[in-house]
C-alpha atoms as a PDB file:
ATOM      1  CA  MET A   1      11.097  19.488  72.618  1.00  0.00           C
ATOM      2  CA  ARG A   2       8.975  22.621  72.255  1.00  0.00           C
ATOM      3  CA  GLN A   3       9.226  23.494  75.899  1.00  0.00           C
ATOM      4  CA  ILE A   4      13.001  23.055  75.984  1.00  0.00           C
ATOM      5  CA  THR A   5      13.645  25.377  73.059  1.00  0.00           C
ATOM      6  CA  ARG A   6      11.490  28.123  74.581  1.00  0.00           C
ATOM      7  CA  ARG A   7      13.372  28.272  77.880  1.00  0.00           C
ATOM      8  CA  PRO A   8      15.977  31.037  78.072  1.00  0.00           C
ATOM      9  CA  THR A   9      18.400  28.841  80.042  1.00  0.00           C
ATOM     10  CA  PHE A  10      18.612  26.419  77.125  1.00  0.00           C
ATOM     11  CA  TRP A  11      19.614  29.208  74.754  1.00  0.00           C
ATOM     12  CA  LEU A  12      22.049  30.749  77.222  1.00  0.00           C
ATOM     13  CA  THR A  13      23.702  27.359  77.815  1.00  0.00           C
ATOM     14  CA  LEU A  14      23.929  26.711  74.100  1.00  0.00           C
ATOM     15  CA  ALA A  15      25.432  30.180  73.477  1.00  0.00           C
ATOM     16  CA  ALA A  16      27.994  29.659  76.271  1.00  0.00           C
ATOM     17  CA  ALA A  17      29.016  26.259  74.855  1.00  0.00           C
ATOM     18  CA  VAL A  18      29.447  27.714  71.367  1.00  0.00           C
ATOM     19  CA  ALA A  19      31.524  30.602  72.777  1.00  0.00           C
ATOM     20  CA  ILE A  20      33.787  28.261  74.760  1.00  0.00           C
ATOM     21  CA  ILE A  21      34.307  25.870  71.848  1.00  0.00           C
ATOM     22  CA  GLY A  22      34.807  28.739  69.406  1.00  0.00           C
ATOM     23  CA  GLY A  23      37.230  30.483  71.784  1.00  0.00           C
ATOM     24  CA  ALA A  24      39.278  27.306  72.193  1.00  0.00           C
ATOM     25  CA  ALA A  25      39.369  26.821  68.440  1.00  0.00           C
ATOM     26  CA  TYR A  26      40.367  30.455  67.935  1.00  0.00           C
ATOM     27  CA  ALA A  27      43.190  30.151  70.489  1.00  0.00           C
ATOM     28  CA  ALA A  28      44.490  27.068  68.710  1.00  0.00           C
ATOM     29  CA  VAL A  29      44.857  29.013  65.472  1.00  0.00           C
ATOM     30  CA  PRO A  30      48.387  30.449  65.023  1.00  0.00           C
ATOM     31  CA  GLY A  31      48.952  34.135  65.615  1.00  0.00           C
ATOM     32  CA  SER A  32      49.013  36.608  62.743  1.00  0.00           C
ATOM     33  CA  ASP A  33      52.769  35.970  62.273  1.00  0.00           C
ATOM     34  CA  GLY A  34      52.250  32.178  62.118  1.00  0.00           C
ATOM     35  CA  THR A  35      53.580  31.549  65.634  1.00  0.00           C
ATOM     36  CA  ILE A  36      51.868  28.954  67.812  1.00  0.00           C
ATOM     37  CA  SER A  37      52.210  29.561  71.559  1.00  0.00           C
ATOM     38  CA  ALA A  38      51.770  26.957  74.273  1.00  0.00           C
ATOM     39  CA  CYS A  39      52.581  26.200  77.894  1.00  0.00           C
ATOM     40  CA  ALA A  40      54.151  22.932  79.081  1.00  0.00           C
ATOM     41  CA  ASP A  41      53.793  21.701  82.653  1.00  0.00           C
ATOM     42  CA  ALA A  42      56.305  19.519  84.545  1.00  0.00           C
ATOM     43  CA  ASN A  43      54.630  16.348  83.188  1.00  0.00           C
ATOM     44  CA  GLY A  44      55.006  17.485  79.566  1.00  0.00           C
ATOM     45  CA  ARG A  45      51.323  18.277  79.011  1.00  0.00           C
ATOM     46  CA  LEU A  46      50.820  21.116  76.537  1.00  0.00           C
ATOM     47  CA  ARG A  47      48.225  23.842  76.665  1.00  0.00           C
ATOM     48  CA  VAL A  48      47.838  26.091  73.604  1.00  0.00           C
ATOM     49  CA  VAL A  49      47.471  29.779  74.491  1.00  0.00           C
ATOM     50  CA  ASP A  50      46.593  32.851  72.487  1.00  0.00           C
ATOM     51  CA  ALA A  51      49.650  35.022  73.161  1.00  0.00           C
ATOM     52  CA  GLU A  52      48.348  37.822  70.928  1.00  0.00           C
ATOM     53  CA  ALA A  53      45.278  38.095  73.157  1.00  0.00           C
ATOM     54  CA  GLY A  54      47.510  38.431  76.232  1.00  0.00           C
ATOM     55  CA  ALA A  55      47.260  34.866  77.529  1.00  0.00           C
ATOM     56  CA  SER A  56      50.370  33.689  79.361  1.00  0.00           C
ATOM     57  CA  CYS A  57      51.726  30.595  81.065  1.00  0.00           C
ATOM     58  CA  LYS A  58      51.559  29.895  84.794  1.00  0.00           C
ATOM     59  CA  THR A  59      54.774  30.301  86.775  1.00  0.00           C
ATOM     60  CA  SER A  60      55.035  26.485  87.018  1.00  0.00           C
ATOM     61  CA  GLU A  61      54.855  26.114  83.215  1.00  0.00           C
ATOM     62  CA  LYS A  62      57.448  26.599  80.509  1.00  0.00           C
ATOM     63  CA  THR A  63      56.569  28.876  77.564  1.00  0.00           C
ATOM     64  CA  LEU A  64      56.940  27.330  74.102  1.00  0.00           C
ATOM     65  CA  ALA A  65      56.570  28.903  70.674  1.00  0.00           C
ATOM     66  CA  TRP A  66      56.976  27.545  67.151  1.00  0.00           C
ATOM     67  CA  ASN A  67      55.759  28.341  63.676  1.00  0.00           C
ATOM     68  CA  GLN A  68      53.958  26.312  61.027  1.00  0.00           C
ATOM     69  CA  GLN A  69      56.711  26.500  58.412  1.00  0.00           C
ATOM     70  CA  GLY A  70      59.788  25.679  60.488  1.00  0.00           C
ATOM     71  CA  PRO A  71      63.368  26.694  59.782  1.00  0.00           C
ATOM     72  CA  HIS A  72      65.053  26.116  56.433  1.00  0.00           C
ATOM     73  CA  GLY A  73      67.126  22.938  56.305  1.00  0.00           C
ATOM     74  CA  PRO A  74      70.641  22.587  54.939  1.00  0.00           C
ATOM     75  CA  GLN A  75      71.214  22.713  51.196  1.00  0.00           C
ATOM     76  CA  GLY A  76      70.845  19.270  49.634  1.00  0.00           C
ATOM     77  CA  SER A  77      73.529  17.551  47.617  1.00  0.00           C
ATOM     78  CA  PRO A  78      73.659  18.150  43.876  1.00  0.00           C
ATOM     79  CA  GLY A  79      71.693  15.865  41.615  1.00  0.00           C
ATOM     80  CA  ILE A  80      72.657  14.024  38.469  1.00  0.00           C
ATOM     81  CA  SER A  81      71.203  14.084  34.983  1.00  0.00           C
ATOM     82  CA  GLY A  82      72.025  12.943  31.460  1.00  0.00           C
ATOM     83  CA  TYR A  83      72.712   9.301  32.322  1.00  0.00           C
ATOM     84  CA  GLU A  84      74.422   7.264  29.579  1.00  0.00           C
ATOM     85  CA  VAL A  85      76.816   4.310  29.251  1.00  0.00           C
ATOM     86  CA  ALA A  86      80.211   4.631  27.545  1.00  0.00           C
ATOM     87  CA  GLN A  87      82.300   1.610  26.471  1.00  0.00           C
ATOM     88  CA  GLY A  88      85.800   0.883  25.298  1.00  0.00           C
ATOM     89  CA  LEU A  89      87.481  -2.287  23.930  1.00  0.00           C
ATOM     90  CA  SER A  90      91.030  -3.573  24.119  1.00  0.00           C
ATOM     91  CA  ALA A  91      92.892  -5.088  21.187  1.00  0.00           C
ATOM     92  CA  ASN A  92      91.668  -8.503  19.994  1.00  0.00           C
ATOM     93  CA  ASP A  93      94.900 -10.459  20.476  1.00  0.00           C
ATOM     94  CA  SER A  94      96.460 -12.954  22.904  1.00  0.00           C
ATOM     95  CA  SER A  95      98.484 -10.440  24.939  1.00  0.00           C
ATOM     96  CA  SER A  96      98.107 -10.500  28.723  1.00  0.00           C
ATOM     97  CA  PRO A  97      97.496  -8.435  30.791  1.00  0.00           C
ATOM     98  CA  LYS A  98      95.169  -6.038  28.954  1.00  0.00           C
ATOM     99  CA  GLN A  99      93.635  -2.676  29.685  1.00  0.00           C
ATOM    100  CA  ALA A 100      90.515  -1.077  28.250  1.00  0.00           C
ATOM    101  CA  PHE A 101      89.298   2.483  28.758  1.00  0.00           C
ATOM    102  CA  ALA A 102      85.770   3.933  28.708  1.00  0.00           C
ATOM    103  CA  GLN A 103      85.678   7.703  28.216  1.00  0.00           C
ATOM    104  CA  CYS A 104      82.691   9.820  29.306  1.00  0.00           C
ATOM    105  CA  PRO A 105      81.543  12.558  26.907  1.00  0.00           C
ATOM    106  CA  ALA A 106      82.617  16.143  27.644  1.00  0.00           C
ATOM    107  CA  GLY A 107      80.982  17.555  30.771  1.00  0.00           C
ATOM    108  CA  LYS A 108      80.039  14.145  32.195  1.00  0.00           C
ATOM    109  CA  ARG A 109      81.682  12.142  34.959  1.00  0.00           C
ATOM    110  CA  PRO A 110      81.838   8.384  35.682  1.00  0.00           C
ATOM    111  CA  ILE A 111      79.520   7.395  38.553  1.00  0.00           C
ATOM    112  CA  GLY A 112      80.059   3.628  38.237  1.00  0.00           C
ATOM    113  CA  GLY A 113      81.346   1.044  35.842  1.00  0.00           C
ATOM    114  CA  GLY A 114      82.586  -2.458  35.199  1.00  0.00           C
ATOM    115  CA  ALA A 115      84.379  -4.797  32.815  1.00  0.00           C
ATOM    116  CA  ARG A 116      84.035  -8.059  30.897  1.00  0.00           C
ATOM    117  CA  ALA A 117      86.798 -10.269  29.499  1.00  0.00           C
ATOM    118  CA  PHE A 118      85.767 -12.630  26.685  1.00  0.00           C
ATOM    119  CA  TYR A 119      86.658 -14.575  23.568  1.00  0.00           C
ATOM    120  CA  LEU A 120      84.965 -13.476  20.375  1.00  0.00           C
ATOM    121  CA  THR A 121      83.668 -16.372  18.316  1.00  0.00           C
ATOM    122  CA  SER A 122      81.480 -16.613  15.229  1.00  0.00           C
ATOM    123  CA  SER A 123      78.472 -17.173  17.532  1.00  0.00           C
ATOM    124  CA  GLY A 124      79.211 -14.127  19.722  1.00  0.00           C
ATOM    125  CA  GLU A 125      80.993 -13.323  22.972  1.00  0.00           C
ATOM    126  CA  PHE A 126      82.101 -16.210  25.137  1.00  0.00           C
ATOM    127  CA  SER A 127      83.400 -15.685  28.701  1.00  0.00           C
ATOM    128  CA  VAL A 128      85.524 -18.379  30.344  1.00  0.00           C
ATOM    129  CA  ALA A 129      87.243 -18.923  33.675  1.00  0.00           C
ATOM    130  CA  GLU A 130      90.677 -18.630  32.009  1.00  0.00           C
ATOM    131  CA  LEU A 131      90.189 -14.839  31.843  1.00  0.00           C
ATOM    132  CA  ALA A 132      90.063 -12.760  35.051  1.00  0.00           C
ATOM    133  CA  ILE A 133      89.235  -9.114  35.746  1.00  0.00           C
ATOM    134  CA  SER A 134      91.927  -7.717  38.030  1.00  0.00           C
ATOM    135  CA  GLY A 135      90.766  -4.095  38.175  1.00  0.00           C
ATOM    136  CA  SER A 136      87.824  -1.869  37.304  1.00  0.00           C
ATOM    137  CA  ASN A 137      87.803   1.689  38.604  1.00  0.00           C
ATOM    138  CA  PRO A 138      87.725   5.424  37.773  1.00  0.00           C
ATOM    139  CA  ALA A 139      90.979   6.736  36.338  1.00  0.00           C
ATOM    140  CA  GLY A 140      90.381  10.476  36.273  1.00  0.00           C
ATOM    141  CA  PRO A 141      87.519  12.951  36.098  1.00  0.00           C
ATOM    142  CA  SER A 142      85.971  11.415  32.953  1.00  0.00           C
ATOM    143  CA  LEU A 143      87.676   8.037  32.451  1.00  0.00           C
ATOM    144  CA  TRP A 144      87.093   4.440  33.607  1.00  0.00           C
ATOM    145  CA  VAL A 145      89.834   1.806  33.294  1.00  0.00           C
ATOM    146  CA  ALA A 146      89.590  -1.984  33.416  1.00  0.00           C
ATOM    147  CA  THR A 147      92.445  -4.492  33.642  1.00  0.00           C
ATOM    148  CA  ALA A 148      92.312  -8.254  32.997  1.00  0.00           C
ATOM    149  CA  HIS A 149      94.717 -11.140  32.504  1.00  0.00           C
ATOM    150  CA  GLU A 150      94.758 -14.748  31.377  1.00  0.00           C
ATOM    151  CA  VAL A 151      94.735 -17.216  34.252  1.00  0.00           C
ATOM    152  CA  ILE A 152      95.933 -19.968  31.934  1.00  0.00           C
ATOM    153  CA  PRO A 153      98.051 -18.473  29.135  1.00  0.00           C
ATOM    154  CA  THR A 154      97.046 -19.421  25.583  1.00  0.00           C
ATOM    155  CA  THR A 155      97.592 -18.103  22.092  1.00  0.00           C
ATOM    156  CA  THR A 156      93.857 -17.540  21.575  1.00  0.00           C
ATOM    157  CA  PRO A 157      92.894 -13.903  20.944  1.00  0.00           C
ATOM    158  CA  TRP A 158      90.602 -12.339  23.551  1.00  0.00           C
ATOM    159  CA  LEU A 159      89.082  -8.938  24.354  1.00  0.00           C
ATOM    160  CA  LEU A 160      88.441  -6.781  27.395  1.00  0.00           C
ATOM    161  CA  ARG A 161      85.464  -4.398  27.470  1.00  0.00           C
ATOM    162  CA  ALA A 162      85.383  -1.519  29.969  1.00  0.00           C
ATOM    163  CA  TYR A 163      82.142   0.346  30.536  1.00  0.00           C
ATOM    164  CA  THR A 164      81.186   3.294  32.685  1.00  0.00           C
ATOM    165  CA  ILE A 165      77.962   4.963  33.627  1.00  0.00           C
ATOM    166  CA  CYS A 166      78.353   8.669  32.860  1.00  0.00           C
ATOM    167  CA  ALA A 167      76.223  11.543  34.121  1.00  0.00           C
ATOM    168  CA  THR A 168      76.216  15.300  34.500  1.00  0.00           C
ATOM    169  CA  ILE A 169      76.666  16.309  38.143  1.00  0.00           C
ATOM    170  CA  ASN A 170      74.367  19.273  38.807  1.00  0.00           C
END
């Protein structure tokens, strides 16, 4: 190893290799304005060039340039915040059909909702097939409406609950 390190050709070869590798790495670095320049041949192979140093593409190549940041994209859609659920109940009687309304607080809009028709007993709410939801949808900028009816008419009192998910649209 001692003899190899003393020969001038070893050091010259090493210096040339470092210069070539360093020059290639330097050329691959974007220009001072962030632009990356390259040449593309007919087969789609790319060759990065240092345009600031005067390097250019061959006549058979196409010149390409791009930057690291890229262009700004389109403005995104607004977000939502302040999520909460609002509810409303119909009268507790045997009338059919029924409507119930759920009102969002001021400044909030309904973004979804639903309904539930049920009998109210001493042990809680009790849903049965004799009651059917026939509509559940927004009814204005801050209101949700639900409609239900008895499939088999009875004299038993029942309720309809409308609910809506409210949020602030940013």
